[in-house]
């Protein structure tokens, strides 16, 4: 079971590093890193729950993921709109772009505040 404890520690440390990078400079790429690292760690914890119960840690990882959902959704909506819109429609959709950018900025700030207080290592 030492190998499993090492794997859990390695994934936990990776999530903590990603969280710290995002806190230091909250960018879309760093938010994505927190989300993918967290997803990988959550999957590991769920897969080994019978061998190494860690409900509290799993709950913290899930809360961290939930804290990033709105920012990621707004980011994806912006990208989809940008890719789908014709150049001639861009002017008339400028208000929608502005709304989505504002929503993304606010959601990223909320994620930053919530993740600032999250801890995965002791």
C-alpha atoms as a PDB file:
ATOM      1  CA  UNK A   1       0.000   0.000   0.000  1.00  0.00           C
ATOM      2  CA  UNK A   2       2.994   2.318   0.159  1.00  0.00           C
ATOM      3  CA  UNK A   3       2.778   2.769  -3.600  1.00  0.00           C
ATOM      4  CA  UNK A   4      -0.827   3.911  -3.239  1.00  0.00           C
ATOM      5  CA  UNK A   5      -0.013   6.383  -0.476  1.00  0.00           C
ATOM      6  CA  UNK A   6       2.799   7.769  -2.651  1.00  0.00           C
ATOM      7  CA  UNK A   7       0.442   8.104  -5.630  1.00  0.00           C
ATOM      8  CA  UNK A   8      -2.122   9.941  -3.504  1.00  0.00           C
ATOM      9  CA  UNK A   9       0.559  12.225  -2.068  1.00  0.00           C
ATOM     10  CA  UNK A  10       1.954  12.931  -5.557  1.00  0.00           C
ATOM     11  CA  UNK A  11      -1.479  13.874  -6.949  1.00  0.00           C
ATOM     12  CA  UNK A  12      -2.347  15.904  -3.845  1.00  0.00           C
ATOM     13  CA  UNK A  13       0.921  17.841  -4.151  1.00  0.00           C
ATOM     14  CA  UNK A  14       0.298  18.430  -7.878  1.00  0.00           C
ATOM     15  CA  UNK A  15      -3.123  19.896  -7.109  1.00  0.00           C
ATOM     16  CA  UNK A  16      -1.673  22.084  -4.384  1.00  0.00           C
ATOM     17  CA  UNK A  17       1.005  23.382  -6.786  1.00  0.00           C
ATOM     18  CA  UNK A  18      -1.617  24.132  -9.440  1.00  0.00           C
ATOM     19  CA  UNK A  19      -3.757  25.914  -6.839  1.00  0.00           C
ATOM     20  CA  UNK A  20      -0.828  28.039  -5.685  1.00  0.00           C
ATOM     21  CA  UNK A  21       0.073  29.006  -9.267  1.00  0.00           C
ATOM     22  CA  UNK A  22      -3.530  30.065  -9.901  1.00  0.00           C
ATOM     23  CA  UNK A  23      -3.623  32.081  -6.668  1.00  0.00           C
ATOM     24  CA  UNK A  24      -0.365  33.817  -7.591  1.00  0.00           C
ATOM     25  CA  UNK A  25      -1.634  34.725 -11.066  1.00  0.00           C
ATOM     26  CA  UNK A  26      -5.230  33.767 -11.962  1.00  0.00           C
ATOM     27  CA  UNK A  27      -5.173  33.077 -15.700  1.00  0.00           C
ATOM     28  CA  UNK A  28      -7.380  30.869 -17.850  1.00  0.00           C
ATOM     29  CA  UNK A  29      -4.533  28.394 -18.376  1.00  0.00           C
ATOM     30  CA  UNK A  30      -3.837  28.142 -14.655  1.00  0.00           C
ATOM     31  CA  UNK A  31      -7.539  27.714 -13.942  1.00  0.00           C
ATOM     32  CA  UNK A  32      -7.571  24.889 -16.484  1.00  0.00           C
ATOM     33  CA  UNK A  33      -4.558  23.315 -14.748  1.00  0.00           C
ATOM     34  CA  UNK A  34      -6.360  23.389 -11.394  1.00  0.00           C
ATOM     35  CA  UNK A  35      -9.403  21.776 -12.955  1.00  0.00           C
ATOM     36  CA  UNK A  36      -7.560  18.992 -14.793  1.00  0.00           C
ATOM     37  CA  UNK A  37      -5.254  18.231 -11.867  1.00  0.00           C
ATOM     38  CA  UNK A  38      -8.239  18.173  -9.532  1.00  0.00           C
ATOM     39  CA  UNK A  39     -10.187  15.883 -11.848  1.00  0.00           C
ATOM     40  CA  UNK A  40      -7.298  13.441 -12.010  1.00  0.00           C
ATOM     41  CA  UNK A  41      -6.902  13.492  -8.213  1.00  0.00           C
ATOM     42  CA  UNK A  42     -10.653  13.129  -7.614  1.00  0.00           C
ATOM     43  CA  UNK A  43     -10.751  10.146  -9.933  1.00  0.00           C
ATOM     44  CA  UNK A  44      -7.883   8.490  -8.080  1.00  0.00           C
ATOM     45  CA  UNK A  45      -9.519   9.065  -4.690  1.00  0.00           C
ATOM     46  CA  UNK A  46     -12.834   7.684  -5.925  1.00  0.00           C
ATOM     47  CA  UNK A  47     -11.154   4.634  -7.464  1.00  0.00           C
ATOM     48  CA  UNK A  48      -9.325   3.690  -4.266  1.00  0.00           C
ATOM     49  CA  UNK A  49     -12.009   4.729  -1.757  1.00  0.00           C
ATOM     50  CA  UNK A  50     -12.416   1.142  -0.509  1.00  0.00           C
ATOM     51  CA  UNK A  51      -8.678   0.750   0.061  1.00  0.00           C
ATOM     52  CA  UNK A  52      -7.851   4.206   1.429  1.00  0.00           C
ATOM     53  CA  UNK A  53     -10.909   6.030   2.707  1.00  0.00           C
ATOM     54  CA  UNK A  54     -10.414   9.783   2.437  1.00  0.00           C
ATOM     55  CA  UNK A  55     -13.891  11.314   2.369  1.00  0.00           C
ATOM     56  CA  UNK A  56     -12.812  14.684   3.746  1.00  0.00           C
ATOM     57  CA  UNK A  57     -10.044  15.120   1.198  1.00  0.00           C
ATOM     58  CA  UNK A  58     -12.362  14.028  -1.621  1.00  0.00           C
ATOM     59  CA  UNK A  59     -14.956  16.558  -0.444  1.00  0.00           C
ATOM     60  CA  UNK A  60     -12.316  19.334  -0.489  1.00  0.00           C
ATOM     61  CA  UNK A  61     -11.278  18.385  -4.024  1.00  0.00           C
ATOM     62  CA  UNK A  62     -14.916  18.433  -5.165  1.00  0.00           C
ATOM     63  CA  UNK A  63     -15.496  21.852  -3.559  1.00  0.00           C
ATOM     64  CA  UNK A  64     -12.413  23.206  -5.325  1.00  0.00           C
ATOM     65  CA  UNK A  65     -13.730  21.928  -8.652  1.00  0.00           C
ATOM     66  CA  UNK A  66     -17.135  23.476  -8.000  1.00  0.00           C
ATOM     67  CA  UNK A  67     -15.455  26.809  -7.246  1.00  0.00           C
ATOM     68  CA  UNK A  68     -14.013  26.882 -10.758  1.00  0.00           C
ATOM     69  CA  UNK A  69     -17.098  25.797 -12.723  1.00  0.00           C
ATOM     70  CA  UNK A  70     -18.608  29.224 -13.442  1.00  0.00           C
ATOM     71  CA  UNK A  71     -15.304  30.714 -14.639  1.00  0.00           C
ATOM     72  CA  UNK A  72     -14.678  27.791 -16.958  1.00  0.00           C
ATOM     73  CA  UNK A  73     -18.249  27.918 -18.306  1.00  0.00           C
ATOM     74  CA  UNK A  74     -17.936  31.621 -19.118  1.00  0.00           C
ATOM     75  CA  UNK A  75     -14.563  31.051 -20.772  1.00  0.00           C
ATOM     76  CA  UNK A  76     -15.961  28.290 -22.960  1.00  0.00           C
ATOM     77  CA  UNK A  77     -19.022  30.389 -23.876  1.00  0.00           C
ATOM     78  CA  UNK A  78     -16.716  33.215 -24.979  1.00  0.00           C
ATOM     79  CA  UNK A  79     -14.650  30.890 -27.137  1.00  0.00           C
ATOM     80  CA  UNK A  80     -17.711  29.260 -28.695  1.00  0.00           C
ATOM     81  CA  UNK A  81     -19.282  32.636 -29.501  1.00  0.00           C
ATOM     82  CA  UNK A  82     -16.030  33.919 -30.955  1.00  0.00           C
ATOM     83  CA  UNK A  83     -15.713  30.867 -33.198  1.00  0.00           C
ATOM     84  CA  UNK A  84     -19.372  30.847 -34.281  1.00  0.00           C
ATOM     85  CA  UNK A  85     -19.938  34.495 -35.090  1.00  0.00           C
ATOM     86  CA  UNK A  86     -19.408  36.013 -38.519  1.00  0.00           C
ATOM     87  CA  UNK A  87     -17.292  39.125 -38.821  1.00  0.00           C
ATOM     88  CA  UNK A  88     -20.348  41.103 -39.932  1.00  0.00           C
ATOM     89  CA  UNK A  89     -22.205  40.118 -36.762  1.00  0.00           C
ATOM     90  CA  UNK A  90     -19.373  40.965 -34.400  1.00  0.00           C
ATOM     91  CA  UNK A  91     -20.426  44.596 -33.921  1.00  0.00           C
ATOM     92  CA  UNK A  92     -24.010  43.722 -33.031  1.00  0.00           C
ATOM     93  CA  UNK A  93     -22.809  41.018 -30.608  1.00  0.00           C
ATOM     94  CA  UNK A  94     -20.340  43.287 -28.820  1.00  0.00           C
ATOM     95  CA  UNK A  95     -22.710  43.668 -25.862  1.00  0.00           C
ATOM     96  CA  UNK A  96     -22.817  39.867 -25.485  1.00  0.00           C
ATOM     97  CA  UNK A  97     -19.017  39.637 -25.604  1.00  0.00           C
ATOM     98  CA  UNK A  98     -18.799  42.330 -22.930  1.00  0.00           C
ATOM     99  CA  UNK A  99     -21.323  40.513 -20.723  1.00  0.00           C
ATOM    100  CA  UNK A 100     -19.474  37.212 -21.047  1.00  0.00           C
ATOM    101  CA  UNK A 101     -16.105  38.829 -20.345  1.00  0.00           C
ATOM    102  CA  UNK A 102     -17.564  40.475 -17.246  1.00  0.00           C
ATOM    103  CA  UNK A 103     -19.090  37.168 -16.107  1.00  0.00           C
ATOM    104  CA  UNK A 104     -15.775  35.387 -16.685  1.00  0.00           C
ATOM    105  CA  UNK A 105     -13.836  38.028 -14.717  1.00  0.00           C
ATOM    106  CA  UNK A 106     -16.258  37.916 -11.787  1.00  0.00           C
ATOM    107  CA  UNK A 107     -16.323  34.114 -11.722  1.00  0.00           C
ATOM    108  CA  UNK A 108     -12.523  33.981 -11.859  1.00  0.00           C
ATOM    109  CA  UNK A 109     -12.360  36.375  -8.906  1.00  0.00           C
ATOM    110  CA  UNK A 110     -14.792  34.184  -6.945  1.00  0.00           C
ATOM    111  CA  UNK A 111     -12.741  31.085  -7.779  1.00  0.00           C
ATOM    112  CA  UNK A 112      -9.608  32.921  -6.683  1.00  0.00           C
ATOM    113  CA  UNK A 113     -11.168  33.853  -3.336  1.00  0.00           C
ATOM    114  CA  UNK A 114     -12.429  30.331  -2.702  1.00  0.00           C
ATOM    115  CA  UNK A 115      -9.237  28.576  -3.774  1.00  0.00           C
ATOM    116  CA  UNK A 116      -7.125  30.967  -1.734  1.00  0.00           C
ATOM    117  CA  UNK A 117      -8.517  29.282   1.378  1.00  0.00           C
ATOM    118  CA  UNK A 118      -8.449  25.689   0.078  1.00  0.00           C
ATOM    119  CA  UNK A 119      -5.627  23.446   1.233  1.00  0.00           C
ATOM    120  CA  UNK A 120      -4.771  19.955   0.098  1.00  0.00           C
ATOM    121  CA  UNK A 121      -1.505  19.452   1.952  1.00  0.00           C
ATOM    122  CA  UNK A 122      -0.890  19.667   5.674  1.00  0.00           C
END
